[in-house]
Amino acid sequence: MGVWRRHVLPRIVDVATGIESTLRSRENVMPYVRGRVLELGAGSGHNLPLMDPELVERVWALDPEPLGWRLARERIDALEFETEFLEASAEEIPLEDDSVDTVLTTYALCTIPEPLAALSEMRRVLRPEGEFVFCEHGLADDESLRKWQHRLQPIWGRLAGGCHLNRPIPQLIESGGFEIQGLRTGFFPGPKPLRYTFWGTARIGDRLPISSRITVRAQSVSEGERK
């Protein structure tokens, strides 16, 4: 399992996160990423070229596996802002309190072993006026789809390095001390149990929002598509 997780899975994730549908899904939240940015689960850096260099000053890219960062070298070299890789877990972020303007996660909360501990760390490093920006998949709002997610989870979790199809993302974020300011849900192409996605922004509890909503393009679903 160590060889799979450290040497094989990062390469699979590199390919999966670089396909057009996944890039388009994550691209929906990138306009809200600004200032000094901490990205959790940065992998091989596919989000970096999607960030606006006029808005982003610096990025700390955190991931427990360093292979992804080595795979990202070409993308890193083309950036107009400073980046630094942090080989660490999301539950123990090696940054000072109130040091970042934006915390970003894209398809990462599903895999973090202790998500509430990670959310606590995110609140610690985020400045009071900062924003948590997320694009995450998780437990669907349709009961029949939820049943499939629960059935598939034991197998999927082992194959996908601990990824959870059935985490209730909005409730999890709120339990971690954040107030969600804007939220959209929908699917991007692929098997629906794997692709139910939440795009949104959140602030530390009792703070005013920077952005009040997320506008999702082609990946948004109508009520008819949900059924």
C-alpha atoms as a PDB file:
ATOM      1  CA  MET A   1       0.000   0.000   0.000  1.00  0.00           C
ATOM      2  CA  GLY A   2       2.924   2.379   0.670  1.00  0.00           C
ATOM      3  CA  VAL A   3       4.243   1.942  -2.888  1.00  0.00           C
ATOM      4  CA  TRP A   4       0.737   2.417  -4.301  1.00  0.00           C
ATOM      5  CA  ARG A   5       0.084   5.576  -2.281  1.00  0.00           C
ATOM      6  CA  ARG A   6       3.485   7.233  -2.727  1.00  0.00           C
ATOM      7  CA  HIS A   7       4.468   6.239  -6.266  1.00  0.00           C
ATOM      8  CA  VAL A   8       1.424   5.055  -8.242  1.00  0.00           C
ATOM      9  CA  LEU A   9      -1.570   6.989  -6.918  1.00  0.00           C
ATOM     10  CA  PRO A  10       0.021  10.471  -7.396  1.00  0.00           C
ATOM     11  CA  ARG A  11       0.535   9.666 -11.090  1.00  0.00           C
ATOM     12  CA  ILE A  12      -3.064   8.498 -11.461  1.00  0.00           C
ATOM     13  CA  VAL A  13      -4.283  11.652  -9.715  1.00  0.00           C
ATOM     14  CA  ASP A  14      -2.071  13.766 -11.986  1.00  0.00           C
ATOM     15  CA  VAL A  15      -3.806  12.352 -15.063  1.00  0.00           C
ATOM     16  CA  ALA A  16      -7.313  12.443 -13.549  1.00  0.00           C
ATOM     17  CA  THR A  17      -7.048  16.051 -12.357  1.00  0.00           C
ATOM     18  CA  GLY A  18      -5.673  17.191 -15.708  1.00  0.00           C
ATOM     19  CA  ILE A  19      -8.620  16.110 -17.876  1.00  0.00           C
ATOM     20  CA  GLU A  20     -10.746  18.897 -19.326  1.00  0.00           C
ATOM     21  CA  SER A  21     -13.956  18.197 -17.387  1.00  0.00           C
ATOM     22  CA  THR A  22     -12.131  18.266 -14.046  1.00  0.00           C
ATOM     23  CA  LEU A  23     -10.243  21.436 -14.937  1.00  0.00           C
ATOM     24  CA  ARG A  24     -13.478  23.152 -15.968  1.00  0.00           C
ATOM     25  CA  SER A  25     -15.118  22.127 -12.708  1.00  0.00           C
ATOM     26  CA  ARG A  26     -12.325  23.541 -10.556  1.00  0.00           C
ATOM     27  CA  GLU A  27     -12.058  26.632 -12.742  1.00  0.00           C
ATOM     28  CA  ASN A  28     -15.446  27.779 -11.437  1.00  0.00           C
ATOM     29  CA  VAL A  29     -14.020  28.814  -8.062  1.00  0.00           C
ATOM     30  CA  MET A  30     -10.686  30.245  -9.190  1.00  0.00           C
ATOM     31  CA  PRO A  31     -11.923  33.861  -9.563  1.00  0.00           C
ATOM     32  CA  TYR A  32     -12.347  33.899  -5.761  1.00  0.00           C
ATOM     33  CA  VAL A  33      -8.744  32.882  -5.063  1.00  0.00           C
ATOM     34  CA  ARG A  34      -6.582  35.896  -4.188  1.00  0.00           C
ATOM     35  CA  GLY A  35      -3.741  37.268  -2.111  1.00  0.00           C
ATOM     36  CA  ARG A  36      -1.575  34.852  -0.130  1.00  0.00           C
ATOM     37  CA  VAL A  37      -3.053  31.439  -0.881  1.00  0.00           C
ATOM     38  CA  LEU A  38      -2.808  28.091   0.878  1.00  0.00           C
ATOM     39  CA  GLU A  39      -3.923  25.168  -1.266  1.00  0.00           C
ATOM     40  CA  LEU A  40      -4.507  21.888   0.566  1.00  0.00           C
ATOM     41  CA  GLY A  41      -4.052  18.689  -1.417  1.00  0.00           C
ATOM     42  CA  ALA A  42      -2.192  20.517  -4.172  1.00  0.00           C
ATOM     43  CA  GLY A  43      -1.126  17.305  -5.895  1.00  0.00           C
ATOM     44  CA  SER A  44       0.674  17.997  -9.152  1.00  0.00           C
ATOM     45  CA  GLY A  45      -0.317  21.661  -9.332  1.00  0.00           C
ATOM     46  CA  HIS A  46      -3.062  21.626 -11.956  1.00  0.00           C
ATOM     47  CA  ASN A  47      -4.830  24.475 -10.132  1.00  0.00           C
ATOM     48  CA  LEU A  48      -1.853  26.828 -10.330  1.00  0.00           C
ATOM     49  CA  PRO A  49      -2.266  27.874 -14.001  1.00  0.00           C
ATOM     50  CA  LEU A  50      -5.977  28.488 -13.336  1.00  0.00           C
ATOM     51  CA  MET A  51      -5.213  31.213 -10.770  1.00  0.00           C
ATOM     52  CA  ASP A  52      -5.239  34.865 -11.828  1.00  0.00           C
ATOM     53  CA  PRO A  53      -1.690  36.290 -11.461  1.00  0.00           C
ATOM     54  CA  GLU A  54      -3.183  39.753 -11.036  1.00  0.00           C
ATOM     55  CA  LEU A  55      -5.033  38.582  -7.914  1.00  0.00           C
ATOM     56  CA  VAL A  56      -2.649  36.007  -6.452  1.00  0.00           C
ATOM     57  CA  GLU A  57       0.495  37.131  -4.662  1.00  0.00           C
ATOM     58  CA  ARG A  58       1.893  33.817  -3.414  1.00  0.00           C
ATOM     59  CA  VAL A  59       0.825  30.170  -3.096  1.00  0.00           C
ATOM     60  CA  TRP A  60       1.757  27.604  -0.473  1.00  0.00           C
ATOM     61  CA  ALA A  61       0.983  24.217  -2.027  1.00  0.00           C
ATOM     62  CA  LEU A  62       0.510  21.643   0.722  1.00  0.00           C
ATOM     63  CA  ASP A  63       0.458  17.898   0.115  1.00  0.00           C
ATOM     64  CA  PRO A  64       1.733  14.916   2.125  1.00  0.00           C
ATOM     65  CA  GLU A  65       3.201  13.265  -0.996  1.00  0.00           C
ATOM     66  CA  PRO A  66       6.118  15.082  -2.731  1.00  0.00           C
ATOM     67  CA  LEU A  67       5.932  13.178  -6.026  1.00  0.00           C
ATOM     68  CA  GLY A  68       3.042  15.329  -7.253  1.00  0.00           C
ATOM     69  CA  TRP A  69       5.115  18.485  -6.830  1.00  0.00           C
ATOM     70  CA  ARG A  70       7.932  16.960  -8.885  1.00  0.00           C
ATOM     71  CA  LEU A  71       5.412  16.165 -11.614  1.00  0.00           C
ATOM     72  CA  ALA A  72       4.309  19.818 -11.503  1.00  0.00           C
ATOM     73  CA  ARG A  73       7.706  21.309 -12.384  1.00  0.00           C
ATOM     74  CA  GLU A  74       6.737  22.499 -15.872  1.00  0.00           C
ATOM     75  CA  ARG A  75       3.586  24.198 -14.569  1.00  0.00           C
ATOM     76  CA  ILE A  76       5.504  25.833 -11.696  1.00  0.00           C
ATOM     77  CA  ASP A  77       8.168  27.258 -14.003  1.00  0.00           C
ATOM     78  CA  ALA A  78       5.524  29.071 -16.079  1.00  0.00           C
ATOM     79  CA  LEU A  79       3.890  30.890 -13.132  1.00  0.00           C
ATOM     80  CA  GLU A  80       4.017  34.642 -12.538  1.00  0.00           C
ATOM     81  CA  PHE A  81       3.682  34.385  -8.748  1.00  0.00           C
ATOM     82  CA  GLU A  82       5.811  32.770  -6.071  1.00  0.00           C
ATOM     83  CA  THR A  83       5.065  29.212  -4.977  1.00  0.00           C
ATOM     84  CA  GLU A  84       6.343  27.051  -2.153  1.00  0.00           C
ATOM     85  CA  PHE A  85       5.681  23.357  -1.581  1.00  0.00           C
ATOM     86  CA  LEU A  86       4.843  22.224   1.953  1.00  0.00           C
ATOM     87  CA  GLU A  87       5.244  18.488   2.516  1.00  0.00           C
ATOM     88  CA  ALA A  88       2.797  18.175   5.388  1.00  0.00           C
ATOM     89  CA  SER A  89      -0.654  16.979   6.375  1.00  0.00           C
ATOM     90  CA  ALA A  90      -3.709  19.223   6.390  1.00  0.00           C
ATOM     91  CA  GLU A  91      -4.175  18.437  10.083  1.00  0.00           C
ATOM     92  CA  GLU A  92      -0.833  20.102  10.940  1.00  0.00           C
ATOM     93  CA  ILE A  93      -0.303  23.097   8.666  1.00  0.00           C
ATOM     94  CA  PRO A  94       3.216  24.548   9.086  1.00  0.00           C
ATOM     95  CA  LEU A  95       2.190  28.209   8.783  1.00  0.00           C
ATOM     96  CA  GLU A  96       1.663  30.982  11.311  1.00  0.00           C
ATOM     97  CA  ASP A  97      -1.721  32.105  12.614  1.00  0.00           C
ATOM     98  CA  ASP A  98      -3.633  34.598  10.424  1.00  0.00           C
ATOM     99  CA  SER A  99      -1.085  34.294   7.622  1.00  0.00           C
ATOM    100  CA  VAL A 100      -3.153  33.557   4.493  1.00  0.00           C
ATOM    101  CA  ASP A 101      -5.909  35.387   2.608  1.00  0.00           C
ATOM    102  CA  THR A 102      -7.426  32.354   0.865  1.00  0.00           C
ATOM    103  CA  VAL A 103      -7.544  28.676   1.718  1.00  0.00           C
ATOM    104  CA  LEU A 104      -8.340  26.556  -1.339  1.00  0.00           C
ATOM    105  CA  THR A 105      -9.412  22.917  -1.553  1.00  0.00           C
ATOM    106  CA  THR A 106     -10.476  21.131  -4.732  1.00  0.00           C
ATOM    107  CA  TYR A 107     -11.476  17.498  -4.362  1.00  0.00           C
ATOM    108  CA  ALA A 108      -9.332  17.247  -1.228  1.00  0.00           C
ATOM    109  CA  LEU A 109     -11.696  17.203   1.772  1.00  0.00           C
ATOM    110  CA  CYS A 110     -12.880  13.804   0.578  1.00  0.00           C
ATOM    111  CA  THR A 111      -9.463  12.272   1.312  1.00  0.00           C
ATOM    112  CA  ILE A 112      -8.142  14.097   4.396  1.00  0.00           C
ATOM    113  CA  PRO A 113      -8.162  11.500   7.231  1.00  0.00           C
ATOM    114  CA  GLU A 114      -9.344  13.954   9.923  1.00  0.00           C
ATOM    115  CA  PRO A 115     -11.312  16.682   8.130  1.00  0.00           C
ATOM    116  CA  LEU A 116     -12.467  18.510  11.260  1.00  0.00           C
ATOM    117  CA  ALA A 117      -8.885  18.787  12.491  1.00  0.00           C
ATOM    118  CA  ALA A 118      -7.912  20.138   9.069  1.00  0.00           C
ATOM    119  CA  LEU A 119     -10.750  22.681   9.114  1.00  0.00           C
ATOM    120  CA  SER A 120      -9.601  23.836  12.540  1.00  0.00           C
ATOM    121  CA  GLU A 121      -6.105  24.366  11.159  1.00  0.00           C
ATOM    122  CA  MET A 122      -7.553  26.213   8.174  1.00  0.00           C
ATOM    123  CA  ARG A 123      -9.362  28.594  10.514  1.00  0.00           C
ATOM    124  CA  ARG A 124      -6.152  29.139  12.459  1.00  0.00           C
ATOM    125  CA  VAL A 125      -4.029  30.169   9.468  1.00  0.00           C
ATOM    126  CA  LEU A 126      -6.772  32.149   7.683  1.00  0.00           C
ATOM    127  CA  ARG A 127      -6.829  35.898   8.315  1.00  0.00           C
ATOM    128  CA  PRO A 128     -10.070  37.183   9.917  1.00  0.00           C
ATOM    129  CA  GLU A 129     -11.140  38.776   6.618  1.00  0.00           C
ATOM    130  CA  GLY A 130      -9.958  35.788   4.542  1.00  0.00           C
ATOM    131  CA  GLU A 131     -12.013  33.270   2.635  1.00  0.00           C
ATOM    132  CA  PHE A 132     -12.212  29.511   2.266  1.00  0.00           C
ATOM    133  CA  VAL A 133     -12.840  28.573  -1.384  1.00  0.00           C
ATOM    134  CA  PHE A 134     -13.827  25.000  -2.197  1.00  0.00           C
ATOM    135  CA  CYS A 135     -14.773  22.649  -5.024  1.00  0.00           C
ATOM    136  CA  GLU A 136     -15.523  19.281  -3.457  1.00  0.00           C
ATOM    137  CA  HIS A 137     -17.457  16.130  -4.225  1.00  0.00           C
ATOM    138  CA  GLY A 138     -19.492  14.340  -1.602  1.00  0.00           C
ATOM    139  CA  LEU A 139     -22.843  13.047  -0.408  1.00  0.00           C
ATOM    140  CA  ALA A 140     -25.627  13.832  -2.886  1.00  0.00           C
ATOM    141  CA  ASP A 141     -29.016  15.275  -2.009  1.00  0.00           C
ATOM    142  CA  ASP A 142     -30.861  12.482  -3.850  1.00  0.00           C
ATOM    143  CA  GLU A 143     -31.641   9.495  -1.630  1.00  0.00           C
ATOM    144  CA  SER A 144     -31.250   6.830  -4.342  1.00  0.00           C
ATOM    145  CA  LEU A 145     -27.867   8.252  -5.322  1.00  0.00           C
ATOM    146  CA  ARG A 146     -26.800   8.351  -1.679  1.00  0.00           C
ATOM    147  CA  LYS A 147     -27.503   4.618  -1.393  1.00  0.00           C
ATOM    148  CA  TRP A 148     -25.147   3.934  -4.286  1.00  0.00           C
ATOM    149  CA  GLN A 149     -22.481   6.148  -2.744  1.00  0.00           C
ATOM    150  CA  HIS A 150     -22.681   4.225   0.535  1.00  0.00           C
ATOM    151  CA  ARG A 151     -22.534   0.880  -1.311  1.00  0.00           C
ATOM    152  CA  LEU A 152     -19.516   1.851  -3.397  1.00  0.00           C
ATOM    153  CA  GLN A 153     -17.564   3.543  -0.610  1.00  0.00           C
ATOM    154  CA  PRO A 154     -15.741   0.483   0.855  1.00  0.00           C
ATOM    155  CA  ILE A 155     -14.284  -0.485  -2.536  1.00  0.00           C
ATOM    156  CA  TRP A 156     -13.764   3.046  -3.825  1.00  0.00           C
ATOM    157  CA  GLY A 157     -12.002   4.163  -0.666  1.00  0.00           C
ATOM    158  CA  ARG A 158      -9.391   1.408  -0.980  1.00  0.00           C
ATOM    159  CA  LEU A 159      -8.783   2.041  -4.690  1.00  0.00           C
ATOM    160  CA  ALA A 160      -8.702   5.834  -4.468  1.00  0.00           C
ATOM    161  CA  GLY A 161      -6.318   6.326  -1.556  1.00  0.00           C
ATOM    162  CA  GLY A 162      -8.929   6.905   1.148  1.00  0.00           C
ATOM    163  CA  CYS A 163     -11.287   9.090  -0.894  1.00  0.00           C
ATOM    164  CA  HIS A 164     -14.841   9.297   0.510  1.00  0.00           C
ATOM    165  CA  LEU A 165     -17.826   9.540  -1.825  1.00  0.00           C
ATOM    166  CA  ASN A 166     -20.251  10.072   1.040  1.00  0.00           C
ATOM    167  CA  ARG A 167     -18.945  12.939   3.154  1.00  0.00           C
ATOM    168  CA  PRO A 168     -21.623  15.622   3.752  1.00  0.00           C
ATOM    169  CA  ILE A 169     -19.438  18.521   2.650  1.00  0.00           C
ATOM    170  CA  PRO A 170     -21.567  21.579   3.621  1.00  0.00           C
ATOM    171  CA  GLN A 171     -22.349  20.167   7.079  1.00  0.00           C
ATOM    172  CA  LEU A 172     -18.701  19.253   7.537  1.00  0.00           C
ATOM    173  CA  ILE A 173     -17.538  22.771   6.663  1.00  0.00           C
ATOM    174  CA  GLU A 174     -20.043  24.342   9.048  1.00  0.00           C
ATOM    175  CA  SER A 175     -19.091  21.903  11.821  1.00  0.00           C
ATOM    176  CA  GLY A 176     -15.511  23.083  11.322  1.00  0.00           C
ATOM    177  CA  GLY A 177     -16.446  26.629  12.315  1.00  0.00           C
ATOM    178  CA  PHE A 178     -17.112  28.212   8.909  1.00  0.00           C
ATOM    179  CA  GLU A 179     -20.182  29.991   7.570  1.00  0.00           C
ATOM    180  CA  ILE A 180     -20.909  29.171   3.929  1.00  0.00           C
ATOM    181  CA  GLN A 181     -21.485  32.356   1.927  1.00  0.00           C
ATOM    182  CA  GLY A 182     -22.202  30.931  -1.517  1.00  0.00           C
ATOM    183  CA  LEU A 183     -22.966  27.392  -2.653  1.00  0.00           C
ATOM    184  CA  ARG A 184     -23.867  25.629  -5.881  1.00  0.00           C
ATOM    185  CA  THR A 185     -24.221  21.895  -6.469  1.00  0.00           C
ATOM    186  CA  GLY A 186     -24.171  19.751  -9.587  1.00  0.00           C
ATOM    187  CA  PHE A 187     -22.412  17.065 -11.559  1.00  0.00           C
ATOM    188  CA  PHE A 188     -19.481  17.104 -13.886  1.00  0.00           C
ATOM    189  CA  PRO A 189     -19.136  14.359 -16.545  1.00  0.00           C
ATOM    190  CA  GLY A 190     -18.687  10.844 -15.246  1.00  0.00           C
ATOM    191  CA  PRO A 191     -20.503   8.328 -13.000  1.00  0.00           C
ATOM    192  CA  LYS A 192     -22.892  10.323 -10.837  1.00  0.00           C
ATOM    193  CA  PRO A 193     -22.001   8.683  -7.490  1.00  0.00           C
ATOM    194  CA  LEU A 194     -18.439   9.937  -7.990  1.00  0.00           C
ATOM    195  CA  ARG A 195     -19.229  13.362  -9.414  1.00  0.00           C
ATOM    196  CA  TYR A 196     -21.728  15.146  -7.168  1.00  0.00           C
ATOM    197  CA  THR A 197     -19.920  18.430  -6.534  1.00  0.00           C
ATOM    198  CA  PHE A 198     -20.177  21.440  -4.217  1.00  0.00           C
ATOM    199  CA  TRP A 199     -18.728  24.780  -5.403  1.00  0.00           C
ATOM    200  CA  GLY A 200     -18.641  27.498  -2.773  1.00  0.00           C
ATOM    201  CA  THR A 201     -17.043  30.044  -0.490  1.00  0.00           C
ATOM    202  CA  ALA A 202     -17.048  30.290   3.296  1.00  0.00           C
ATOM    203  CA  ARG A 203     -15.839  32.643   5.997  1.00  0.00           C
ATOM    204  CA  ILE A 204     -14.840  32.132   9.601  1.00  0.00           C
ATOM    205  CA  GLY A 205     -17.985  32.228  11.728  1.00  0.00           C
ATOM    206  CA  ASP A 206     -19.695  35.593  12.258  1.00  0.00           C
ATOM    207  CA  ARG A 207     -17.703  37.346   9.516  1.00  0.00           C
ATOM    208  CA  LEU A 208     -19.108  39.302   6.583  1.00  0.00           C
ATOM    209  CA  PRO A 209     -18.728  37.706   3.127  1.00  0.00           C
ATOM    210  CA  ILE A 210     -16.312  38.762   0.399  1.00  0.00           C
ATOM    211  CA  SER A 211     -18.364  37.006  -2.267  1.00  0.00           C
ATOM    212  CA  SER A 212     -22.026  36.173  -1.904  1.00  0.00           C
ATOM    213  CA  ARG A 213     -22.388  33.457  -4.510  1.00  0.00           C
ATOM    214  CA  ILE A 214     -20.640  31.165  -6.959  1.00  0.00           C
ATOM    215  CA  THR A 215     -21.784  31.082 -10.585  1.00  0.00           C
ATOM    216  CA  VAL A 216     -21.314  27.623 -12.030  1.00  0.00           C
ATOM    217  CA  ARG A 217     -21.188  27.284 -15.798  1.00  0.00           C
ATOM    218  CA  ALA A 218     -21.792  24.114 -17.795  1.00  0.00           C
ATOM    219  CA  GLN A 219     -21.466  21.785 -14.818  1.00  0.00           C
ATOM    220  CA  SER A 220     -24.582  23.131 -13.094  1.00  0.00           C
ATOM    221  CA  VAL A 221     -27.535  20.782 -13.098  1.00  0.00           C
ATOM    222  CA  SER A 222     -31.168  21.551 -13.578  1.00  0.00           C
ATOM    223  CA  GLU A 223     -33.828  19.916 -11.461  1.00  0.00           C
ATOM    224  CA  GLY A 224     -34.567  17.571 -14.349  1.00  0.00           C
ATOM    225  CA  GLU A 225     -30.948  16.455 -14.600  1.00  0.00           C
ATOM    226  CA  ARG A 226     -30.858  15.589 -10.912  1.00  0.00           C
ATOM    227  CA  LYS A 227     -33.462  12.862 -11.336  1.00  0.00           C
END
